[in-house]
Amino acid sequence: MESIFWIIFAVTAIPMFKLLPFFGINKYWAFTCIIPIAVPILAWVMAIKLQELEKR
């Protein structure tokens, strides 16, 4: 059971470490991916930032 937790964390948190700085968000917010609701929230924030970048 513990290995499933680490696999899910690796699949979500490691890409977030690379993506978040591109959108102007501190990369350490990726640690919040431990909480399941944080992944969609971070994806939503990145989508909003992407829309702002496309307007420029």
PDB file of N, CA and C in Angstrom:
ATOM      1  N   MET A   1       0.819  -1.189   0.000  1.00  0.00           N
ATOM      2  CA  MET A   1       0.000   0.000   0.000  1.00  0.00           C
ATOM      3  C   MET A   1       0.863   1.253   0.000  1.00  0.00           C
ATOM      4  N   GLU A   2       1.936   1.196   0.732  1.00  0.00           N
ATOM      5  CA  GLU A   2       2.821   2.354   0.799  1.00  0.00           C
ATOM      6  C   GLU A   2       3.491   2.614  -0.542  1.00  0.00           C
ATOM      7  N   SER A   3       3.783   1.571  -1.278  1.00  0.00           N
ATOM      8  CA  SER A   3       4.433   1.760  -2.573  1.00  0.00           C
ATOM      9  C   SER A   3       3.498   2.464  -3.559  1.00  0.00           C
ATOM     10  N   ILE A   4       2.201   2.202  -3.448  1.00  0.00           N
ATOM     11  CA  ILE A   4       1.230   2.888  -4.311  1.00  0.00           C
ATOM     12  C   ILE A   4       1.247   4.386  -4.021  1.00  0.00           C
ATOM     13  N   PHE A   5       1.341   4.742  -2.757  1.00  0.00           N
ATOM     14  CA  PHE A   5       1.414   6.156  -2.372  1.00  0.00           C
ATOM     15  C   PHE A   5       2.615   6.832  -3.017  1.00  0.00           C
ATOM     16  N   TRP A   6       3.778   6.204  -2.961  1.00  0.00           N
ATOM     17  CA  TRP A   6       4.983   6.806  -3.521  1.00  0.00           C
ATOM     18  C   TRP A   6       4.939   6.875  -5.040  1.00  0.00           C
ATOM     19  N   ILE A   7       4.303   5.904  -5.668  1.00  0.00           N
ATOM     20  CA  ILE A   7       4.169   5.933  -7.127  1.00  0.00           C
ATOM     21  C   ILE A   7       3.277   7.102  -7.543  1.00  0.00           C
ATOM     22  N   ILE A   8       2.153   7.260  -6.855  1.00  0.00           N
ATOM     23  CA  ILE A   8       1.243   8.368  -7.169  1.00  0.00           C
ATOM     24  C   ILE A   8       1.928   9.705  -6.907  1.00  0.00           C
ATOM     25  N   PHE A   9       2.665   9.802  -5.810  1.00  0.00           N
ATOM     26  CA  PHE A   9       3.373  11.040  -5.499  1.00  0.00           C
ATOM     27  C   PHE A   9       4.417  11.345  -6.566  1.00  0.00           C
ATOM     28  N   ALA A  10       5.146  10.354  -7.015  1.00  0.00           N
ATOM     29  CA  ALA A  10       6.175  10.562  -8.027  1.00  0.00           C
ATOM     30  C   ALA A  10       5.566  10.965  -9.360  1.00  0.00           C
ATOM     31  N   VAL A  11       4.450  10.352  -9.705  1.00  0.00           N
ATOM     32  CA  VAL A  11       3.806  10.646 -10.993  1.00  0.00           C
ATOM     33  C   VAL A  11       3.251  12.067 -11.014  1.00  0.00           C
ATOM     34  N   THR A  12       2.850  12.598  -9.872  1.00  0.00           N
ATOM     35  CA  THR A  12       2.277  13.942  -9.849  1.00  0.00           C
ATOM     36  C   THR A  12       3.272  15.011  -9.416  1.00  0.00           C
ATOM     37  N   ALA A  13       4.072  14.737  -8.417  1.00  0.00           N
ATOM     38  CA  ALA A  13       4.932  15.783  -7.858  1.00  0.00           C
ATOM     39  C   ALA A  13       6.153  16.077  -8.719  1.00  0.00           C
ATOM     40  N   ILE A  14       6.767  15.070  -9.285  1.00  0.00           N
ATOM     41  CA  ILE A  14       7.989  15.306 -10.054  1.00  0.00           C
ATOM     42  C   ILE A  14       7.731  16.186 -11.277  1.00  0.00           C
ATOM     43  N   PRO A  15       6.683  15.932 -12.060  1.00  0.00           N
ATOM     44  CA  PRO A  15       6.411  16.867 -13.163  1.00  0.00           C
ATOM     45  C   PRO A  15       6.050  18.275 -12.679  1.00  0.00           C
ATOM     46  N   MET A  16       5.394  18.351 -11.521  1.00  0.00           N
ATOM     47  CA  MET A  16       5.038  19.670 -10.984  1.00  0.00           C
ATOM     48  C   MET A  16       6.283  20.479 -10.629  1.00  0.00           C
ATOM     49  N   PHE A  17       7.353  19.817 -10.166  1.00  0.00           N
ATOM     50  CA  PHE A  17       8.594  20.523  -9.869  1.00  0.00           C
ATOM     51  C   PHE A  17       9.129  21.232 -11.109  1.00  0.00           C
ATOM     52  N   LYS A  18       8.936  20.631 -12.265  1.00  0.00           N
ATOM     53  CA  LYS A  18       9.413  21.223 -13.517  1.00  0.00           C
ATOM     54  C   LYS A  18       8.442  22.274 -14.052  1.00  0.00           C
ATOM     55  N   LEU A  19       7.140  22.058 -13.893  1.00  0.00           N
ATOM     56  CA  LEU A  19       6.143  22.931 -14.497  1.00  0.00           C
ATOM     57  C   LEU A  19       5.847  24.195 -13.700  1.00  0.00           C
ATOM     58  N   LEU A  20       5.800  24.108 -12.407  1.00  0.00           N
ATOM     59  CA  LEU A  20       5.383  25.247 -11.601  1.00  0.00           C
ATOM     60  C   LEU A  20       6.255  26.485 -11.780  1.00  0.00           C
ATOM     61  N   PRO A  21       7.584  26.382 -11.819  1.00  0.00           N
ATOM     62  CA  PRO A  21       8.380  27.605 -12.020  1.00  0.00           C
ATOM     63  C   PRO A  21       8.103  28.302 -13.353  1.00  0.00           C
ATOM     64  N   PHE A  22       7.734  27.558 -14.370  1.00  0.00           N
ATOM     65  CA  PHE A  22       7.406  28.154 -15.664  1.00  0.00           C
ATOM     66  C   PHE A  22       6.201  29.089 -15.545  1.00  0.00           C
ATOM     67  N   PHE A  23       5.284  28.775 -14.648  1.00  0.00           N
ATOM     68  CA  PHE A  23       4.085  29.578 -14.465  1.00  0.00           C
ATOM     69  C   PHE A  23       4.228  30.607 -13.348  1.00  0.00           C
ATOM     70  N   GLY A  24       5.423  30.776 -12.816  1.00  0.00           N
ATOM     71  CA  GLY A  24       5.663  31.771 -11.779  1.00  0.00           C
ATOM     72  C   GLY A  24       5.232  31.341 -10.395  1.00  0.00           C
ATOM     73  N   ILE A  25       5.171  30.051 -10.162  1.00  0.00           N
ATOM     74  CA  ILE A  25       4.778  29.511  -8.858  1.00  0.00           C
ATOM     75  C   ILE A  25       5.995  28.816  -8.260  1.00  0.00           C
ATOM     76  N   ASN A  26       6.198  29.004  -6.966  1.00  0.00           N
ATOM     77  CA  ASN A  26       7.327  28.379  -6.294  1.00  0.00           C
ATOM     78  C   ASN A  26       7.258  26.861  -6.463  1.00  0.00           C
ATOM     79  N   LYS A  27       8.385  26.258  -6.837  1.00  0.00           N
ATOM     80  CA  LYS A  27       8.391  24.821  -7.129  1.00  0.00           C
ATOM     81  C   LYS A  27       8.097  23.956  -5.914  1.00  0.00           C
ATOM     82  N   TYR A  28       8.265  24.481  -4.723  1.00  0.00           N
ATOM     83  CA  TYR A  28       8.016  23.683  -3.521  1.00  0.00           C
ATOM     84  C   TYR A  28       6.524  23.481  -3.245  1.00  0.00           C
ATOM     85  N   TRP A  29       5.666  24.155  -3.994  1.00  0.00           N
ATOM     86  CA  TRP A  29       4.233  23.870  -3.907  1.00  0.00           C
ATOM     87  C   TRP A  29       3.932  22.472  -4.417  1.00  0.00           C
ATOM     88  N   ALA A  30       4.852  21.864  -5.138  1.00  0.00           N
ATOM     89  CA  ALA A  30       4.654  20.502  -5.639  1.00  0.00           C
ATOM     90  C   ALA A  30       4.519  19.502  -4.491  1.00  0.00           C
ATOM     91  N   PHE A  31       5.041  19.834  -3.335  1.00  0.00           N
ATOM     92  CA  PHE A  31       4.901  18.925  -2.189  1.00  0.00           C
ATOM     93  C   PHE A  31       3.453  18.805  -1.737  1.00  0.00           C
ATOM     94  N   THR A  32       2.619  19.758  -2.124  1.00  0.00           N
ATOM     95  CA  THR A  32       1.207  19.657  -1.750  1.00  0.00           C
ATOM     96  C   THR A  32       0.497  18.563  -2.533  1.00  0.00           C
ATOM     97  N   CYS A  33       1.152  17.969  -3.510  1.00  0.00           N
ATOM     98  CA  CYS A  33       0.542  16.871  -4.275  1.00  0.00           C
ATOM     99  C   CYS A  33       0.310  15.638  -3.411  1.00  0.00           C
ATOM    100  N   ILE A  34       0.830  15.656  -2.201  1.00  0.00           N
ATOM    101  CA  ILE A  34       0.550  14.568  -1.258  1.00  0.00           C
ATOM    102  C   ILE A  34      -0.944  14.550  -0.939  1.00  0.00           C
ATOM    103  N   ILE A  35      -1.539  15.736  -0.894  1.00  0.00           N
ATOM    104  CA  ILE A  35      -2.977  15.860  -0.647  1.00  0.00           C
ATOM    105  C   ILE A  35      -3.689  15.721  -1.993  1.00  0.00           C
ATOM    106  N   PRO A  36      -4.595  14.791  -2.128  1.00  0.00           N
ATOM    107  CA  PRO A  36      -5.213  14.533  -3.439  1.00  0.00           C
ATOM    108  C   PRO A  36      -5.902  15.741  -4.074  1.00  0.00           C
ATOM    109  N   ILE A  37      -6.520  16.616  -3.294  1.00  0.00           N
ATOM    110  CA  ILE A  37      -7.235  17.760  -3.863  1.00  0.00           C
ATOM    111  C   ILE A  37      -6.268  18.825  -4.395  1.00  0.00           C
ATOM    112  N   ALA A  38      -5.015  18.774  -3.978  1.00  0.00           N
ATOM    113  CA  ALA A  38      -4.050  19.786  -4.390  1.00  0.00           C
ATOM    114  C   ALA A  38      -3.672  19.663  -5.865  1.00  0.00           C
ATOM    115  N   VAL A  39      -3.702  18.473  -6.422  1.00  0.00           N
ATOM    116  CA  VAL A  39      -3.315  18.283  -7.823  1.00  0.00           C
ATOM    117  C   VAL A  39      -4.265  19.033  -8.758  1.00  0.00           C
ATOM    118  N   PRO A  40      -5.591  18.862  -8.637  1.00  0.00           N
ATOM    119  CA  PRO A  40      -6.467  19.642  -9.517  1.00  0.00           C
ATOM    120  C   PRO A  40      -6.404  21.139  -9.259  1.00  0.00           C
ATOM    121  N   ILE A  41      -6.178  21.533  -8.010  1.00  0.00           N
ATOM    122  CA  ILE A  41      -6.074  22.964  -7.710  1.00  0.00           C
ATOM    123  C   ILE A  41      -4.844  23.554  -8.386  1.00  0.00           C
ATOM    124  N   LEU A  42      -3.706  22.877  -8.278  1.00  0.00           N
ATOM    125  CA  LEU A  42      -2.499  23.369  -8.948  1.00  0.00           C
ATOM    126  C   LEU A  42      -2.668  23.380 -10.464  1.00  0.00           C
ATOM    127  N   ALA A  43      -3.334  22.382 -11.011  1.00  0.00           N
ATOM    128  CA  ALA A  43      -3.583  22.358 -12.458  1.00  0.00           C
ATOM    129  C   ALA A  43      -4.482  23.525 -12.861  1.00  0.00           C
ATOM    130  N   TRP A  44      -5.456  23.844 -12.039  1.00  0.00           N
ATOM    131  CA  TRP A  44      -6.344  24.969 -12.323  1.00  0.00           C
ATOM    132  C   TRP A  44      -5.574  26.290 -12.286  1.00  0.00           C
ATOM    133  N   VAL A  45      -4.726  26.470 -11.286  1.00  0.00           N
ATOM    134  CA  VAL A  45      -3.924  27.696 -11.177  1.00  0.00           C
ATOM    135  C   VAL A  45      -2.988  27.816 -12.387  1.00  0.00           C
ATOM    136  N   MET A  46      -2.396  26.715 -12.807  1.00  0.00           N
ATOM    137  CA  MET A  46      -1.520  26.754 -13.982  1.00  0.00           C
ATOM    138  C   MET A  46      -2.321  27.093 -15.232  1.00  0.00           C
ATOM    139  N   ALA A  47      -3.541  26.606 -15.345  1.00  0.00           N
ATOM    140  CA  ALA A  47      -4.378  26.920 -16.506  1.00  0.00           C
ATOM    141  C   ALA A  47      -4.723  28.404 -16.542  1.00  0.00           C
ATOM    142  N   ILE A  48      -5.018  28.989 -15.394  1.00  0.00           N
ATOM    143  CA  ILE A  48      -5.305  30.421 -15.324  1.00  0.00           C
ATOM    144  C   ILE A  48      -4.074  31.221 -15.739  1.00  0.00           C
ATOM    145  N   LYS A  49      -2.912  30.831 -15.239  1.00  0.00           N
ATOM    146  CA  LYS A  49      -1.666  31.528 -15.598  1.00  0.00           C
ATOM    147  C   LYS A  49      -1.379  31.385 -17.091  1.00  0.00           C
ATOM    148  N   LEU A  50      -1.673  30.227 -17.663  1.00  0.00           N
ATOM    149  CA  LEU A  50      -1.453  30.005 -19.085  1.00  0.00           C
ATOM    150  C   LEU A  50      -2.360  30.904 -19.917  1.00  0.00           C
ATOM    151  N   GLN A  51      -3.591  31.074 -19.492  1.00  0.00           N
ATOM    152  CA  GLN A  51      -4.493  31.980 -20.198  1.00  0.00           C
ATOM    153  C   GLN A  51      -3.984  33.410 -20.148  1.00  0.00           C
ATOM    154  N   GLU A  52      -3.420  33.817 -18.996  1.00  0.00           N
ATOM    155  CA  GLU A  52      -2.856  35.159 -18.879  1.00  0.00           C
ATOM    156  C   GLU A  52      -1.653  35.322 -19.800  1.00  0.00           C
ATOM    157  N   LEU A  53      -0.822  34.278 -19.908  1.00  0.00           N
ATOM    158  CA  LEU A  53       0.332  34.341 -20.784  1.00  0.00           C
ATOM    159  C   LEU A  53      -0.069  34.400 -22.266  1.00  0.00           C
ATOM    160  N   GLU A  54      -1.153  33.727 -22.621  1.00  0.00           N
ATOM    161  CA  GLU A  54      -1.611  33.731 -24.012  1.00  0.00           C
ATOM    162  C   GLU A  54      -2.196  35.077 -24.418  1.00  0.00           C
ATOM    163  N   LYS A  55      -2.721  35.838 -23.462  1.00  0.00           N
ATOM    164  CA  LYS A  55      -3.291  37.148 -23.766  1.00  0.00           C
ATOM    165  C   LYS A  55      -2.216  38.157 -24.153  1.00  0.00           C
ATOM    166  N   ARG A  56      -1.015  37.956 -23.698  1.00  0.00           N
ATOM    167  CA  ARG A  56       0.073  38.911 -23.961  1.00  0.00           C
ATOM    168  C   ARG A  56       0.596  38.785 -25.333  1.00  0.00           C
TER     169      ARG A  56
END
